[in-house]
Protein backbone atom coordinates (compact mmCIF):
# COMPACT_ATOMS: atom_id res chain seq x y z
CA MET A 1 -0.51 21.85 -6.15
CA ALA A 2 1.90 18.94 -6.15
CA ASN A 3 5.62 19.66 -6.31
CA LEU A 4 7.26 19.36 -9.70
CA THR A 5 9.86 16.62 -10.16
CA SER A 6 12.34 17.57 -12.85
CA LEU A 7 13.47 14.87 -15.29
CA GLU A 8 16.22 15.16 -17.86
CA VAL A 9 15.05 13.83 -21.23
CA SER A 10 16.31 14.23 -24.78
CA SER A 11 14.45 14.72 -28.03
CA ARG A 12 14.75 12.06 -30.73
CA ALA A 13 14.06 12.78 -34.35
CA LYS A 14 12.76 9.50 -35.73
CA ALA A 15 9.77 7.29 -34.89
CA GLY A 16 9.33 3.60 -35.63
CA LYS A 17 10.63 0.30 -34.36
CA GLY A 18 14.06 0.70 -35.92
CA ALA A 19 14.62 4.08 -34.27
CA ALA A 20 13.39 2.70 -30.94
CA ARG A 21 15.81 -0.22 -31.15
CA ALA A 22 18.65 2.17 -31.92
CA THR A 23 17.73 4.22 -28.85
CA ARG A 24 17.82 1.11 -26.67
CA ARG A 25 21.19 0.08 -28.12
CA ALA A 26 22.46 3.47 -26.99
CA GLY A 27 21.42 2.57 -23.44
CA LEU A 28 18.34 4.79 -23.33
CA VAL A 29 14.58 4.20 -23.23
CA PRO A 30 12.43 5.58 -26.08
CA GLY A 31 9.27 7.41 -25.17
CA VAL A 32 6.57 9.80 -26.28
CA VAL A 33 4.87 12.86 -24.78
CA TYR A 34 1.28 13.30 -25.98
CA GLY A 35 -1.78 15.39 -25.13
CA ALA A 36 -2.87 19.01 -24.66
CA LYS A 37 -4.00 19.09 -28.33
CA GLN A 38 -0.39 19.20 -29.54
CA GLU A 39 1.69 16.98 -31.77
CA PRO A 40 3.40 14.12 -29.89
CA SER A 41 7.03 14.70 -28.91
CA LEU A 42 9.50 11.83 -29.24
CA ILE A 43 11.94 11.53 -26.36
CA SER A 44 14.59 9.29 -24.84
CA ILE A 45 15.42 8.93 -21.17
CA ASP A 46 17.93 7.16 -18.94
CA PRO A 47 16.38 3.88 -17.64
CA ARG A 48 17.88 4.53 -14.19
CA VAL A 49 15.72 7.65 -13.91
CA ILE A 50 12.58 5.62 -14.66
CA HIS A 51 13.55 2.90 -12.18
CA LYS A 52 14.15 5.49 -9.44
CA GLU A 53 10.69 7.00 -9.92
CA MET A 54 8.96 3.63 -9.93
CA VAL A 55 10.73 2.53 -6.74
CA ARG A 56 9.62 5.76 -5.02
CA GLY A 57 5.98 4.82 -5.54
CA GLY A 58 3.14 7.23 -6.31
CA TRP A 59 4.53 7.93 -9.78
CA ARG A 60 1.10 7.74 -11.40
CA SER A 61 0.05 11.00 -9.75
CA ARG A 62 3.44 12.74 -9.56
CA LEU A 63 3.76 15.90 -11.60
CA TYR A 64 6.90 15.98 -13.77
CA GLU A 65 8.72 18.71 -15.59
CA LEU A 66 10.49 17.38 -18.68
CA ASN A 67 13.38 19.55 -19.77
CA LEU A 68 13.41 19.52 -23.57
CA GLU A 69 15.21 21.74 -26.06
CA GLY A 70 11.99 23.58 -26.88
CA GLY A 71 11.34 24.37 -23.22
CA PRO A 72 10.02 22.56 -20.14
CA ILE A 73 6.87 20.44 -20.39
CA ARG A 74 4.63 19.54 -17.45
CA ALA A 75 3.49 15.94 -17.72
CA LEU A 76 2.28 12.79 -15.98
CA MET A 77 4.03 9.45 -16.38
CA ARG A 78 1.24 7.33 -17.83
CA GLU A 79 2.67 3.97 -18.85
CA VAL A 80 5.97 2.16 -18.56
CA GLN A 81 6.43 -0.95 -20.70
CA LEU A 82 8.77 -3.51 -19.14
CA HIS A 83 10.79 -6.29 -20.72
CA PRO A 84 8.96 -9.62 -20.09
CA VAL A 85 12.12 -11.31 -18.77
CA SER A 86 14.38 -8.65 -17.25
CA ASP A 87 11.65 -6.17 -16.16
CA ALA A 88 13.85 -3.39 -17.55
CA PRO A 89 11.87 -0.42 -18.97
CA ILE A 90 11.68 -0.53 -22.76
CA HIS A 91 9.21 2.30 -23.50
CA ILE A 92 7.57 5.14 -21.60
CA ASP A 93 4.54 7.37 -22.22
CA PHE A 94 3.98 10.81 -20.71
CA GLN A 95 0.79 12.88 -20.92
CA ARG A 96 1.39 16.58 -21.50
CA LEU A 97 -0.70 18.78 -19.19
CA ALA A 98 -2.41 22.09 -19.86
CA ALA A 99 -3.69 24.55 -17.26
CA GLY A 100 -7.36 24.00 -16.49
CA GLU A 101 -7.43 20.53 -18.00
CA LYS A 102 -9.04 17.76 -15.94
CA VAL A 103 -7.02 14.56 -15.81
CA HIS A 104 -7.63 11.06 -14.50
CA VAL A 105 -5.00 10.09 -11.92
CA THR A 106 -4.49 7.37 -9.32
CA VAL A 107 -3.55 8.82 -5.92
CA ALA A 108 -1.94 6.76 -3.16
CA ILE A 109 -3.34 6.51 0.39
CA HIS A 110 -0.86 7.52 3.13
CA VAL A 111 -1.61 6.14 6.62
CA THR A 112 -0.75 8.05 9.82
CA GLY A 113 -1.48 7.57 13.53
CA GLU A 114 -1.43 3.77 13.43
CA GLU A 115 0.76 3.55 16.55
CA ASN A 116 -1.76 5.66 18.53
CA ALA A 117 -4.99 4.04 17.40
CA PRO A 118 -6.90 2.69 20.45
CA GLY A 119 -8.32 -0.20 18.41
CA ILE A 120 -4.90 -1.38 17.27
CA LYS A 121 -3.53 -1.08 20.81
CA ARG A 122 -6.33 -3.42 21.90
CA GLY A 123 -5.33 -6.01 19.32
CA GLY A 124 -7.41 -4.83 16.38
CA VAL A 125 -6.18 -5.24 12.83
CA LEU A 126 -5.93 -2.48 10.24
CA ASN A 127 -7.80 -3.35 7.05
CA LEU A 128 -6.77 -0.88 4.35
CA VAL A 129 -9.64 -1.36 1.92
CA ARG A 130 -8.16 0.98 -0.71
CA HIS A 131 -4.44 1.60 -1.19
CA THR A 132 -5.19 4.11 -3.95
CA VAL A 133 -8.16 6.15 -5.18
CA GLU A 134 -8.79 7.17 -8.79
CA VAL A 135 -9.89 10.80 -9.17
CA MET A 136 -10.47 13.54 -11.72
CA VAL A 137 -8.56 16.69 -10.92
CA ASP A 138 -7.36 19.91 -12.50
CA ALA A 139 -3.74 19.64 -13.61
CA GLU A 140 -2.90 22.53 -11.25
CA HIS A 141 -4.10 20.66 -8.15
CA ILE A 142 -2.88 17.08 -8.45
CA PRO A 143 -2.25 15.84 -4.88
CA ASP A 144 0.82 13.84 -3.89
CA SER A 145 -1.34 11.55 -1.73
CA PHE A 146 -4.45 11.36 0.46
CA THR A 147 -3.90 10.97 4.21
CA VAL A 148 -5.74 8.58 6.52
CA ASP A 149 -5.53 9.46 10.23
CA LEU A 150 -6.07 6.38 12.42
CA SER A 151 -5.09 7.95 15.76
CA GLN A 152 -8.68 8.10 17.11
CA LEU A 153 -10.03 4.84 15.69
CA ASP A 154 -11.22 1.98 17.89
CA ILE A 155 -12.25 -1.54 16.90
CA HIS A 156 -15.10 -1.50 14.33
CA ASP A 157 -14.41 2.18 13.45
CA ASN A 158 -13.67 3.16 9.87
CA VAL A 159 -12.32 5.98 7.72
CA ARG A 160 -14.35 7.10 4.73
CA TRP A 161 -13.71 9.31 1.72
CA ASP A 162 -15.01 12.41 3.52
CA ASP A 163 -12.51 11.80 6.35
CA LEU A 164 -9.44 11.92 4.12
CA LYS A 165 -7.08 14.87 4.09
CA GLY A 166 -5.93 16.30 0.77
CA THR A 167 -9.12 15.74 -1.25
CA GLU A 168 -9.77 19.40 -2.02
CA ASN A 169 -10.37 20.14 -5.69
CA VAL A 170 -10.70 16.47 -6.69
CA THR A 171 -13.65 14.28 -7.67
CA PRO A 172 -13.50 10.51 -7.05
CA VAL A 173 -14.16 8.35 -10.08
CA LEU A 174 -15.91 5.72 -7.95
CA GLN A 175 -19.60 6.66 -7.88
CA LEU A 176 -20.36 5.47 -4.35
CA PRO A 177 -21.33 7.94 -1.62
CA ASN A 178 -18.63 8.37 1.04
CA PHE A 179 -17.01 4.97 0.42
CA VAL A 180 -14.85 3.18 3.00
CA ILE A 181 -11.06 3.61 2.89
CA ALA A 182 -9.93 1.72 6.01
CA THR A 183 -11.36 -0.12 9.02
CA ILE A 184 -10.10 -1.45 12.34
CA ALA A 185 -11.22 -5.08 12.50
CA PRO A 186 -11.46 -7.09 15.75
CA PRO A 187 -8.68 -9.55 16.62
CA THR A 188 -8.92 -12.72 14.55
CA VAL A 189 -8.12 -16.34 15.38
CA ASP A 190 -7.07 -18.71 12.65
CA ALA A 191 -9.79 -21.34 13.05
CA GLU A 192 -7.96 -23.82 10.86
CA MET A 193 -4.80 -23.66 12.98
CA GLU A 194 -6.87 -23.91 16.15
CA ALA A 195 -8.67 -27.01 14.84
CA GLU A 196 -5.38 -28.55 13.75
CA ALA A 197 -3.88 -27.99 17.21
CA ALA A 198 -6.96 -29.50 18.87
CA ALA A 199 -6.82 -32.56 16.59
CA LYS A 200 -3.13 -33.03 17.30
CA ALA A 201 -3.71 -32.82 21.06
CA ALA A 202 -6.54 -35.38 20.81
CA ALA A 203 -4.35 -37.74 18.78
CA GLU A 204 -1.54 -37.47 21.31
CA ALA A 205 -3.97 -38.18 24.14
CA GLU A 206 -5.31 -41.26 22.34
CA ALA A 207 -1.77 -42.51 21.68
CA ALA A 208 -0.82 -42.06 25.32
CA ALA A 209 -3.96 -43.90 26.46
CA ALA A 210 -3.20 -46.81 24.13
CA LYS A 211 0.28 -47.41 25.57
CA PRO A 212 0.69 -50.56 27.69
CA GLY A 213 0.38 -49.78 31.34
CA ALA A 214 -1.59 -46.61 30.75
CA LYS A 215 -4.06 -46.00 33.57
CA LYS A 216 -7.70 -46.21 32.60
CA LYS A 217 -10.10 -43.68 34.05
């Protein structure tokens, strides 16, 4: 089970746009906690707390404990609405979780062993096909991340879903058998840059040949 991240939130009594504006004027972000067949709970939260979680990354699958007056609530951070100009958070939604409930989460891919991969040492290029994977999982077993181990991969090798670590108890949403997560591609040459360099060299050679006194072969 993923570790719980505790967040300090406060209850707010009133719903509606006016109440939300009042919350923002007080320097807080209005939000709601919904789900688990219970009435929604209205909350407010410090915007610095939201920003910290978003900067950390992986917040869409992180399991939170919200400390409210009625007792702690386990929840997922589902949506953060940002101001169109300042990008400051202006509203937040959490989904309340219940034991045994399957939830849809997006889990980040964590790469290890890149510095030891034979293919990369030989000039190959890591192509991370999927940075995240969407899965269905019991609320008790939400993973922090899935791990890709590249340490044994050579050029043209790949890592597939079945090779990942941390996929116990989850079901991928993507209905493709053993889909590709990452590959080691062969070294690439920028053909356009190569052609440009060749054209430049040819132009310089022509210019040199056209100069008075240039020797003709």
